[in-house]
Amino acid sequence: MFFFAINQIKDILWLKNKKTGLIGHSEDGLATIGAIDKGVNVDFMIQRATPGEKHGTLL
């Protein structure tokens, strides 16, 4: 789903030269990390309250 959405956004003429990113909160934070791992091409990622354990390890 992220691949399709990001590619569609990047094809919009007035957004072609803009930076694109993902914002994840809670469990969606894990989804954005998974999308990056699978190769979604974005310029930045913002994580808010993503589930984790001690020392920054993600669940």
Protein backbone atom coordinates (compact mmCIF):
# COMPACT_ATOMS: atom_id res chain seq x y z
CA MET A 1 0.00 0.00 0.00
CA PHE A 2 2.79 2.45 0.85
CA PHE A 3 4.48 1.81 -2.49
CA PHE A 4 1.34 2.71 -4.44
CA ALA A 5 0.54 5.78 -2.32
CA ILE A 6 4.07 7.22 -2.41
CA ASN A 7 4.38 6.64 -6.16
CA GLN A 8 1.03 8.33 -6.78
CA ILE A 9 2.03 11.33 -4.67
CA LYS A 10 5.36 11.63 -6.49
CA ASP A 11 3.51 11.64 -9.84
CA ILE A 12 1.46 14.74 -8.96
CA LEU A 13 2.96 17.54 -11.01
CA TRP A 14 3.12 20.23 -8.31
CA LEU A 15 4.66 17.75 -5.83
CA LYS A 16 7.38 16.33 -8.10
CA ASN A 17 10.16 18.49 -6.63
CA LYS A 18 8.99 18.22 -3.02
CA LYS A 19 10.32 15.91 -0.32
CA THR A 20 8.07 13.03 0.69
CA GLY A 21 8.05 11.17 3.97
CA LEU A 22 6.17 8.89 6.30
CA ILE A 23 4.79 9.70 9.73
CA GLY A 24 4.05 6.82 12.07
CA HIS A 25 2.36 6.81 15.46
CA SER A 26 2.13 3.78 17.73
CA GLU A 27 1.67 0.59 15.68
CA ASP A 28 1.67 2.58 12.44
CA GLY A 29 5.22 3.51 13.38
CA LEU A 30 6.08 -0.16 12.96
CA ALA A 31 4.32 -0.16 9.58
CA THR A 32 6.41 2.79 8.36
CA ILE A 33 9.61 1.05 9.48
CA GLY A 34 8.49 -2.08 7.61
CA ALA A 35 7.80 -0.01 4.51
CA ILE A 36 11.30 1.48 4.62
CA ASP A 37 12.76 -2.02 5.08
CA LYS A 38 10.87 -3.17 1.98
CA GLY A 39 12.24 -0.33 -0.13
CA VAL A 40 9.71 2.51 -0.07
CA ASN A 41 11.64 5.51 -1.38
CA VAL A 42 11.02 8.53 0.88
CA ASP A 43 13.16 11.45 2.00
CA PHE A 44 12.34 11.30 5.71
CA MET A 45 10.48 9.37 8.39
CA ILE A 46 8.96 10.68 11.63
CA GLN A 47 8.17 8.30 14.49
CA ARG A 48 5.84 9.20 17.36
CA ALA A 49 5.34 6.81 20.29
CA THR A 50 6.38 3.71 18.38
CA PRO A 51 6.31 0.57 20.56
CA GLY A 52 9.73 -0.41 21.78
CA GLU A 53 11.79 -1.93 24.54
CA LYS A 54 14.84 -0.82 26.48
CA HIS A 55 17.75 0.73 24.58
CA GLY A 56 15.67 1.57 21.48
CA THR A 57 14.93 -1.99 20.39
CA LEU A 58 11.68 -2.16 18.44
CA LEU A 59 9.12 -4.83 19.23
